[in-house]
Amino acid sequence: MINYSFSFKKYFFLFFCFLFFLPQAQKKFTLVLDAGHGGTDHGANRYYSETGTLREKDVTLSIVLKLGRMLEKNKDFKIIYTRKIDEYPSLTDRTTLANRSKADLFVSVHCNANTRTSPYGTETFVQGPDQNKTNLEVAKAENDVIFLDEKDRETFASYDPKSMESLIALKIQQSKYLESSLLFGSFVEGNFEKKDKRLSRGVKQQNLHVLRLNAMPSVLIETGFISNYDEAMYLGSEKGQDEIAESIYDAIISYRKAIERNGGVSSQPKAAEKPDEKPLKNDFRILLMSSPMKYNLGDPALKGLNYILTIKENDLYKYYYSVTNLASVRDNNLKTAKDAGFRNSTSISFIPNQRLGTGSYTLEVAASDQKLSANSYLLNTLKNVTRVKEKGTFYYTYGKFATLEEAVKTQKEVEEKGIKNTVIQKLSR
């Protein structure tokens, strides 16, 4: 009886420890690696006397397997392959696998081709509407494979890229993961250009079926042109494939560190590899555009970007993206804005807690061509709201603040009360 009691207590203690420590386990960063094409779908291909027929499906598989082996050495990563052999998973199978795995990142590797032999360089695509004829040709080449598989024909049959409803749905879907996808894409292209000394054709938005249904940040990487002799020799070589795999690997590491820093993934303590970056004296926001039009968060005009601060000044609404006092983050934010389509965006310096010499800030809490009812939720929730009529529009403002930070703090408090889409207004007097 004594032995039984001792055994029971021992195993109860072990069971308790198991339950206690289990929730503390760190979630692995899950990646889905997709080698484009495969099986009967050869993808882009060209015959060269040095290599024989160089086929996209073989190059992409080789790169993905090399990349996977590098990642598998890191216990923090969980790697899922859409294929590890010469077979053709449908686009539906690829996206379903990624979604069921609750992946953190989807990376699809491809090779480019052109009817002319001169084009060369890398480019990375994120999900988005067609932007120009050149991108459209890439989308057509990658999307044509939906006719190879019955599942894909059924899945994508109702999607009409020319319909307004499809474009609206697409913009809503892409906005969830656009920033993260653009960030990762910028790391990939940056490595190709700086480490491998290759021509980067940039990060672009395109409507690609293999990305459209993914519930996670996703990119399609065109690693080079098989139709260009020099790049074909590079793509078909061990050296070229090793360099491409390593550049994508380094981009994944940089991307994970970036989202860990922003609280996107639980991070484990790691030994410092280099001194921490010193904060700058000023804060930096990215000015996307100035417009007489007011756009609410989620409007297609903002191209899926979040963390937007709108400041109204002299009847113009200025849209600022994100804020940081780190130079590296500032530069990444600017590149993300440009990749999203704001080609003229620029970095603007803000002195923290700077008090205006003359004037002040206020909150524009509503603008309407009709006077708000005295029983409206807004007027019953906020006291001392000021109403002004200008050019047939009633503007309602709330509060008076000496610094931008005070205005931002109050804006968040107002939003927590259910009053959304307010704008900070800078007054000259």
Protein backbone atom coordinates (compact mmCIF):
# COMPACT_ATOMS: atom_id res chain seq x y z
CA MET A 1 0.00 0.00 0.00
CA ILE A 2 2.88 2.35 0.80
CA ASN A 3 4.53 1.67 -2.56
CA TYR A 4 1.26 2.36 -4.38
CA SER A 5 0.88 5.71 -2.62
CA PHE A 6 4.45 6.71 -3.45
CA SER A 7 4.02 5.72 -7.08
CA PHE A 8 0.75 7.59 -7.40
CA LYS A 9 2.25 10.79 -5.95
CA LYS A 10 5.29 10.52 -8.19
CA TYR A 11 3.28 10.18 -11.36
CA PHE A 12 0.79 12.83 -10.27
CA PHE A 13 3.71 15.21 -9.80
CA LEU A 14 5.08 14.40 -13.26
CA PHE A 15 1.63 14.84 -14.82
CA PHE A 16 1.26 18.21 -13.06
CA CYS A 17 4.64 19.34 -14.36
CA PHE A 18 3.66 18.32 -17.88
CA LEU A 19 0.46 20.38 -17.69
CA PHE A 20 2.31 23.34 -16.21
CA PHE A 21 5.07 23.49 -18.76
CA LEU A 22 3.05 22.60 -21.86
CA PRO A 23 1.47 26.06 -22.29
CA GLN A 24 4.90 27.63 -21.97
CA ALA A 25 6.14 25.85 -25.10
CA GLN A 26 6.96 28.26 -27.88
CA LYS A 27 4.92 28.02 -31.05
CA LYS A 28 7.15 27.14 -33.95
CA PHE A 29 7.22 29.49 -36.91
CA THR A 30 5.49 27.50 -39.64
CA LEU A 31 6.58 27.94 -43.25
CA VAL A 32 5.03 26.46 -46.35
CA LEU A 33 7.58 26.10 -49.16
CA ASP A 34 6.04 25.74 -52.58
CA ALA A 35 8.15 24.61 -55.53
CA GLY A 36 6.24 25.99 -58.51
CA HIS A 37 4.76 23.71 -61.18
CA GLY A 38 5.71 20.00 -61.23
CA GLY A 39 4.59 16.74 -62.84
CA THR A 40 3.07 17.29 -66.25
CA ASP A 41 3.34 21.06 -65.76
CA HIS A 42 6.97 21.83 -66.68
CA GLY A 43 6.60 25.60 -66.32
CA ALA A 44 9.05 27.75 -68.26
CA ASN A 45 11.65 25.73 -70.17
CA ARG A 46 14.40 26.25 -72.73
CA TYR A 47 16.92 24.00 -74.43
CA TYR A 48 20.61 24.86 -74.09
CA SER A 49 23.45 22.72 -75.37
CA GLU A 50 25.26 23.06 -72.01
CA THR A 51 22.35 21.89 -69.86
CA GLY A 52 19.87 20.18 -72.15
CA THR A 53 16.30 21.26 -71.50
CA LEU A 54 16.23 23.45 -68.41
CA ARG A 55 12.78 23.17 -66.83
CA GLU A 56 11.30 25.51 -64.26
CA LYS A 57 9.78 22.67 -62.25
CA ASP A 58 13.24 21.13 -61.69
CA VAL A 59 14.95 24.39 -60.76
CA THR A 60 12.25 25.41 -58.29
CA LEU A 61 12.23 22.00 -56.59
CA SER A 62 16.00 22.02 -56.21
CA ILE A 63 15.98 25.53 -54.68
CA VAL A 64 13.12 24.70 -52.31
CA LEU A 65 14.78 21.50 -51.07
CA LYS A 66 18.04 23.38 -50.45
CA LEU A 67 16.15 26.11 -48.62
CA GLY A 68 14.22 23.55 -46.59
CA ARG A 69 17.37 21.76 -45.46
CA MET A 70 18.80 25.06 -44.21
CA LEU A 71 15.62 25.89 -42.28
CA GLU A 72 15.24 22.41 -40.81
CA LYS A 73 18.48 22.92 -38.89
CA ASN A 74 16.70 25.58 -36.83
CA LYS A 75 14.41 23.99 -34.22
CA ASP A 76 12.28 27.16 -34.11
CA PHE A 77 10.92 26.45 -37.61
CA LYS A 78 8.37 23.96 -38.83
CA ILE A 79 8.71 23.33 -42.56
CA ILE A 80 5.89 22.06 -44.77
CA TYR A 81 6.45 21.30 -48.46
CA THR A 82 3.73 21.40 -51.09
CA ARG A 83 5.87 18.89 -52.98
CA LYS A 84 9.25 17.20 -52.48
CA ILE A 85 9.19 15.17 -55.69
CA ASP A 86 8.27 15.71 -59.34
CA GLU A 87 4.49 15.80 -58.96
CA TYR A 88 1.79 18.40 -59.55
CA PRO A 89 -0.26 19.49 -56.53
CA SER A 90 -3.19 21.63 -57.66
CA LEU A 91 -3.25 25.29 -56.64
CA THR A 92 -6.19 24.38 -54.41
CA ASP A 93 -4.15 21.64 -52.71
CA ARG A 94 -1.27 24.06 -52.13
CA THR A 95 -3.38 26.78 -50.50
CA THR A 96 -5.50 24.29 -48.54
CA LEU A 97 -2.35 22.72 -47.12
CA ALA A 98 -1.05 26.12 -46.06
CA ASN A 99 -4.33 27.18 -44.45
CA ARG A 100 -4.84 23.89 -42.59
CA SER A 101 -1.30 24.13 -41.28
CA LYS A 102 -2.02 27.64 -39.95
CA ALA A 103 1.24 28.69 -41.54
CA ASP A 104 2.95 31.96 -40.69
CA LEU A 105 4.40 32.43 -44.17
CA PHE A 106 3.85 30.96 -47.65
CA VAL A 107 6.78 31.10 -50.10
CA SER A 108 6.24 30.02 -53.69
CA VAL A 109 9.40 29.73 -55.83
CA HIS A 110 9.28 30.15 -59.62
CA CYS A 111 11.38 31.07 -62.67
CA ASN A 112 10.47 33.71 -65.20
CA ALA A 113 10.47 33.56 -69.01
CA ASN A 114 9.94 35.92 -71.91
CA THR A 115 9.57 35.63 -75.66
CA ARG A 116 12.68 37.81 -75.90
CA THR A 117 16.04 36.69 -74.54
CA SER A 118 17.17 40.09 -73.19
CA PRO A 119 15.00 40.48 -70.03
CA TYR A 120 16.67 39.33 -66.81
CA GLY A 121 16.50 39.87 -63.06
CA THR A 122 14.47 38.80 -60.03
CA GLU A 123 11.09 40.01 -58.85
CA THR A 124 8.79 39.12 -55.97
CA PHE A 125 5.01 39.30 -56.17
CA VAL A 126 2.47 39.79 -53.41
CA GLN A 127 -1.28 39.46 -53.81
CA GLY A 128 -2.91 42.52 -55.38
CA PRO A 129 -4.86 43.82 -58.36
CA ASP A 130 -3.26 44.04 -61.82
CA GLN A 131 -1.10 47.14 -62.14
CA ASN A 132 0.36 47.04 -65.63
CA LYS A 133 0.59 44.92 -68.77
CA THR A 134 4.01 43.49 -67.89
CA ASN A 135 2.79 42.18 -64.53
CA LEU A 136 -0.35 40.91 -66.22
CA GLU A 137 1.70 38.63 -68.46
CA VAL A 138 3.36 37.11 -65.39
CA ALA A 139 -0.04 36.59 -63.77
CA LYS A 140 -1.39 34.94 -66.91
CA ALA A 141 1.56 32.53 -67.12
CA GLU A 142 1.26 31.52 -63.46
CA ASN A 143 -2.56 31.36 -63.44
CA ASP A 144 -2.96 29.33 -66.63
CA VAL A 145 -2.25 26.13 -64.71
CA ILE A 146 -5.72 26.25 -63.14
CA PHE A 147 -6.96 24.58 -66.31
CA LEU A 148 -4.83 21.51 -65.53
CA ASP A 149 -6.77 20.47 -62.45
CA GLU A 150 -10.47 19.87 -61.88
CA LYS A 151 -10.35 21.13 -58.28
CA ASP A 152 -8.88 24.42 -59.44
CA ARG A 153 -11.49 24.85 -62.15
CA GLU A 154 -14.22 24.48 -59.51
CA THR A 155 -12.52 26.64 -56.89
CA PHE A 156 -11.76 29.58 -59.18
CA ALA A 157 -14.74 29.25 -61.54
CA SER A 158 -16.75 31.99 -59.80
CA TYR A 159 -13.88 34.47 -59.72
CA ASP A 160 -14.07 37.18 -62.38
CA PRO A 161 -11.06 39.53 -62.25
CA LYS A 162 -12.99 42.10 -64.29
CA SER A 163 -15.96 42.37 -61.91
CA MET A 164 -16.13 45.13 -59.30
CA GLU A 165 -17.30 42.64 -56.66
CA SER A 166 -14.25 40.43 -57.18
CA LEU A 167 -11.88 43.39 -56.98
CA ILE A 168 -13.48 44.65 -53.76
CA ALA A 169 -13.28 41.18 -52.20
CA LEU A 170 -9.68 40.89 -53.34
CA LYS A 171 -8.71 44.21 -51.72
CA ILE A 172 -10.35 43.22 -48.44
CA GLN A 173 -8.53 39.87 -48.44
CA GLN A 174 -5.12 41.26 -49.38
CA SER A 175 -5.26 44.07 -46.81
CA LYS A 176 -4.98 41.57 -43.95
CA TYR A 177 -1.54 40.39 -44.95
CA LEU A 178 -0.28 42.97 -47.45
CA GLU A 179 2.14 44.78 -45.15
CA SER A 180 3.76 41.57 -43.91
CA SER A 181 4.01 40.19 -47.45
CA LEU A 182 5.58 43.42 -48.72
CA LEU A 183 8.03 43.42 -45.81
CA PHE A 184 9.20 39.88 -46.52
CA GLY A 185 9.35 40.58 -50.26
CA SER A 186 11.59 43.58 -49.62
CA PHE A 187 14.00 41.40 -47.63
CA VAL A 188 14.13 38.84 -50.46
CA GLU A 189 14.77 41.37 -53.22
CA GLY A 190 17.23 43.27 -51.03
CA ASN A 191 19.31 40.12 -50.57
CA PHE A 192 19.24 39.27 -54.29
CA GLU A 193 20.48 42.77 -55.09
CA LYS A 194 23.02 43.37 -52.29
CA LYS A 195 24.32 39.89 -51.50
CA ASP A 196 24.10 38.18 -54.89
CA LYS A 197 24.72 41.33 -56.98
CA ARG A 198 21.76 40.60 -59.22
CA LEU A 199 19.27 42.93 -60.85
CA SER A 200 16.16 43.27 -58.69
CA ARG A 201 13.05 44.23 -60.61
CA GLY A 202 11.37 44.96 -57.27
CA VAL A 203 8.39 43.86 -55.22
CA LYS A 204 5.11 44.05 -57.11
CA GLN A 205 1.43 43.43 -56.52
CA GLN A 206 -0.34 40.98 -58.77
CA ASN A 207 -3.47 38.86 -58.74
CA LEU A 208 -2.06 35.33 -58.53
CA HIS A 209 -4.33 32.42 -57.71
CA VAL A 210 -1.70 30.54 -55.71
CA LEU A 211 -1.58 33.51 -53.31
CA ARG A 212 -5.18 34.76 -53.39
CA LEU A 213 -6.77 32.21 -51.05
CA ASN A 214 -3.96 32.09 -48.50
CA ALA A 215 -4.83 33.20 -44.96
CA MET A 216 -1.26 34.30 -44.21
CA PRO A 217 1.50 36.53 -45.60
CA SER A 218 2.42 35.05 -48.99
CA VAL A 219 4.85 35.78 -51.80
CA LEU A 220 5.73 34.37 -55.19
CA ILE A 221 9.43 34.72 -56.00
CA GLU A 222 10.55 34.82 -59.63
CA THR A 223 14.20 33.80 -59.22
CA GLY A 224 15.31 34.76 -62.74
CA PHE A 225 14.62 34.32 -66.46
CA ILE A 226 15.12 30.88 -67.96
CA SER A 227 14.78 32.60 -71.35
CA ASN A 228 17.96 34.60 -70.72
CA TYR A 229 21.14 32.58 -71.41
CA ASP A 230 23.26 33.97 -68.57
CA GLU A 231 20.50 33.65 -66.01
CA ALA A 232 19.57 30.20 -67.26
CA MET A 233 23.14 29.02 -66.66
CA TYR A 234 23.00 30.58 -63.18
CA LEU A 235 19.61 29.05 -62.35
CA GLY A 236 20.74 25.62 -63.51
CA SER A 237 23.98 25.67 -61.53
CA GLU A 238 24.59 24.46 -57.97
CA LYS A 239 26.22 27.81 -57.15
CA GLY A 240 23.23 29.79 -58.38
CA GLN A 241 20.68 27.61 -56.61
CA ASP A 242 22.70 27.70 -53.36
CA GLU A 243 22.89 31.51 -53.47
CA ILE A 244 19.19 31.88 -54.19
CA ALA A 245 18.26 29.49 -51.36
CA GLU A 246 20.57 31.30 -48.95
CA SER A 247 19.19 34.72 -49.85
CA ILE A 248 15.61 33.53 -49.26
CA TYR A 249 16.73 31.88 -46.01
CA ASP A 250 18.32 35.11 -44.76
CA ALA A 251 15.14 37.00 -45.72
CA ILE A 252 13.06 34.58 -43.64
CA ILE A 253 15.34 35.09 -40.63
CA SER A 254 15.20 38.90 -41.02
CA TYR A 255 11.42 38.81 -41.47
CA ARG A 256 10.86 36.73 -38.36
CA LYS A 257 13.06 39.04 -36.29
CA ALA A 258 11.13 42.04 -37.59
CA ILE A 259 7.70 40.68 -36.66
CA GLU A 260 8.98 39.44 -33.31
CA ARG A 261 10.14 42.98 -32.59
CA ASN A 262 6.65 44.22 -33.46
CA GLY A 263 4.97 41.59 -31.28
CA GLY A 264 3.78 39.37 -34.11
CA VAL A 265 5.28 36.13 -32.81
CA SER A 266 6.37 34.95 -29.36
CA SER A 267 10.12 35.19 -29.29
CA GLN A 268 12.68 33.30 -27.30
CA PRO A 269 15.60 35.11 -25.69
CA LYS A 270 18.64 34.98 -27.94
CA ALA A 271 22.20 36.07 -27.44
CA ALA A 272 22.84 39.46 -28.99
CA GLU A 273 24.63 39.14 -32.30
CA LYS A 274 25.47 42.86 -32.47
CA PRO A 275 24.89 45.98 -30.37
CA ASP A 276 21.30 47.18 -30.22
CA GLU A 277 20.41 49.94 -32.64
CA LYS A 278 20.41 53.34 -30.96
CA PRO A 279 17.11 55.23 -31.18
CA LEU A 280 17.07 58.50 -33.09
CA LYS A 281 16.16 61.76 -31.35
CA ASN A 282 13.04 62.24 -33.49
CA ASP A 283 10.12 60.06 -34.50
CA PHE A 284 9.58 59.30 -38.19
CA ARG A 285 6.32 58.78 -40.04
CA ILE A 286 5.94 58.00 -43.73
CA LEU A 287 3.84 60.58 -45.57
CA LEU A 288 1.86 58.59 -48.14
CA MET A 289 -0.12 61.41 -49.74
CA SER A 290 -2.02 64.67 -49.20
CA SER A 291 -5.57 64.91 -50.47
CA PRO A 292 -8.70 67.08 -50.10
CA MET A 293 -10.55 63.75 -49.75
CA LYS A 294 -11.01 62.06 -46.39
CA TYR A 295 -10.42 58.30 -46.52
CA ASN A 296 -11.42 56.00 -43.69
CA LEU A 297 -9.23 53.08 -42.62
CA GLY A 298 -9.74 50.16 -44.98
CA ASP A 299 -10.48 52.36 -47.98
CA PRO A 300 -8.86 50.97 -51.17
CA ALA A 301 -7.08 54.32 -51.63
CA LEU A 302 -4.85 53.37 -48.68
CA LYS A 303 -3.79 50.20 -50.56
CA GLY A 304 -4.25 47.85 -47.62
CA LEU A 305 -1.83 49.62 -45.28
CA ASN A 306 -2.68 49.83 -41.58
CA TYR A 307 -1.27 52.04 -38.80
CA ILE A 308 -2.41 55.17 -40.62
CA LEU A 309 -2.43 58.52 -38.83
CA THR A 310 -4.44 61.21 -40.64
CA ILE A 311 -3.70 64.86 -39.90
CA LYS A 312 -5.84 67.59 -41.43
CA GLU A 313 -3.99 70.80 -42.17
CA ASN A 314 -5.18 73.74 -44.31
CA ASP A 315 -8.13 71.72 -45.69
CA LEU A 316 -5.82 68.89 -46.82
CA TYR A 317 -5.80 65.44 -45.26
CA LYS A 318 -2.26 64.13 -44.85
CA TYR A 319 -1.93 60.37 -44.49
CA TYR A 320 1.03 59.11 -42.47
CA TYR A 321 2.04 55.47 -42.22
CA SER A 322 3.50 53.96 -39.02
CA VAL A 323 5.89 55.65 -36.58
CA THR A 324 9.35 54.74 -35.26
CA ASN A 325 12.54 56.23 -33.87
CA LEU A 326 14.77 53.50 -35.35
CA ALA A 327 16.49 54.21 -38.66
CA SER A 328 16.26 50.61 -39.91
CA VAL A 329 12.52 50.41 -39.21
CA ARG A 330 11.98 53.83 -40.79
CA ASP A 331 13.73 52.68 -43.97
CA ASN A 332 11.73 49.43 -44.05
CA ASN A 333 8.49 51.36 -43.56
CA LEU A 334 9.36 53.67 -46.45
CA LYS A 335 10.12 50.73 -48.72
CA THR A 336 6.86 49.03 -47.69
CA ALA A 337 4.94 52.20 -48.58
CA LYS A 338 6.62 52.45 -51.98
CA ASP A 339 6.08 48.75 -52.69
CA ALA A 340 2.40 49.20 -51.82
CA GLY A 341 2.13 51.78 -54.61
CA PHE A 342 2.91 55.09 -52.90
CA ARG A 343 5.90 55.84 -55.12
CA ASN A 344 6.20 59.45 -53.95
CA SER A 345 5.99 58.67 -50.24
CA THR A 346 8.63 60.25 -48.03
CA SER A 347 9.90 60.09 -44.46
CA ILE A 348 8.86 63.00 -42.22
CA SER A 349 10.53 63.86 -38.91
CA PHE A 350 8.42 64.67 -35.83
CA ILE A 351 9.93 66.09 -32.63
CA PRO A 352 8.41 64.08 -29.75
CA ASN A 353 6.03 66.06 -27.51
CA GLN A 354 6.75 69.28 -29.38
CA ARG A 355 4.40 72.06 -28.34
CA LEU A 356 3.13 74.28 -31.10
CA GLY A 357 4.37 77.88 -30.91
CA THR A 358 1.05 79.12 -32.21
CA GLY A 359 -2.13 77.14 -32.74
CA SER A 360 -3.12 73.74 -31.41
CA TYR A 361 -4.50 70.33 -32.33
CA THR A 362 -8.10 69.19 -32.17
CA LEU A 363 -10.09 66.11 -33.19
CA GLU A 364 -12.42 66.24 -36.18
CA VAL A 365 -14.94 63.67 -34.94
CA ALA A 366 -17.53 64.04 -37.69
CA ALA A 367 -18.18 65.76 -41.01
CA SER A 368 -21.66 65.70 -42.54
CA ASP A 369 -23.85 67.63 -44.95
CA GLN A 370 -26.65 67.23 -42.36
CA LYS A 371 -26.66 68.62 -38.82
CA LEU A 372 -26.30 65.86 -36.23
CA SER A 373 -29.32 65.19 -34.05
CA ALA A 374 -29.07 66.32 -30.44
CA ASN A 375 -29.82 62.69 -29.52
CA SER A 376 -26.93 61.31 -31.60
CA TYR A 377 -24.54 58.91 -29.89
CA LEU A 378 -21.58 61.15 -30.64
CA LEU A 379 -23.05 64.28 -29.03
CA ASN A 380 -24.32 62.31 -26.02
CA THR A 381 -20.94 60.62 -25.53
CA LEU A 382 -18.62 63.60 -25.99
CA LYS A 383 -19.19 66.86 -24.18
CA ASN A 384 -18.22 70.30 -25.43
CA VAL A 385 -18.20 69.36 -29.11
CA THR A 386 -17.79 72.36 -31.43
CA ARG A 387 -19.78 72.64 -34.68
CA VAL A 388 -18.72 74.74 -37.65
CA LYS A 389 -20.36 74.95 -41.08
CA GLU A 390 -18.06 75.44 -44.06
CA LYS A 391 -19.06 75.22 -47.73
CA GLY A 392 -22.25 73.35 -46.92
CA THR A 393 -20.59 70.80 -44.62
CA PHE A 394 -20.97 70.58 -40.83
CA TYR A 395 -17.65 69.85 -39.10
CA TYR A 396 -17.66 68.66 -35.49
CA THR A 397 -14.46 68.99 -33.45
CA TYR A 398 -13.55 67.93 -29.95
CA GLY A 399 -10.80 68.97 -27.53
CA LYS A 400 -7.76 71.21 -27.71
CA PHE A 401 -4.24 69.81 -27.44
CA ALA A 402 -0.79 71.38 -27.30
CA THR A 403 1.08 68.33 -28.68
CA LEU A 404 0.43 65.67 -31.28
CA GLU A 405 0.94 62.95 -28.67
CA GLU A 406 -1.89 64.38 -26.53
CA ALA A 407 -4.18 64.40 -29.56
CA VAL A 408 -3.27 60.79 -30.47
CA LYS A 409 -3.94 59.64 -26.89
CA THR A 410 -7.37 61.29 -26.83
CA GLN A 411 -8.15 59.92 -30.29
CA LYS A 412 -7.58 56.37 -28.99
CA GLU A 413 -9.81 57.04 -25.98
CA VAL A 414 -12.56 58.34 -28.25
CA GLU A 415 -12.25 55.27 -30.52
CA GLU A 416 -12.60 53.00 -27.48
CA LYS A 417 -15.98 54.68 -26.88
CA GLY A 418 -17.07 53.55 -30.35
CA ILE A 419 -16.49 56.79 -32.25
CA LYS A 420 -14.40 55.74 -35.25
CA ASN A 421 -12.65 57.42 -38.19
CA THR A 422 -11.77 60.58 -36.34
CA VAL A 423 -9.04 62.84 -37.73
CA ILE A 424 -6.48 64.97 -35.92
CA GLN A 425 -6.68 68.55 -37.15
CA LYS A 426 -3.84 71.02 -36.85
CA LEU A 427 -5.07 74.56 -36.24
CA SER A 428 -2.94 77.60 -37.04
CA ARG A 429 -4.45 79.70 -34.24
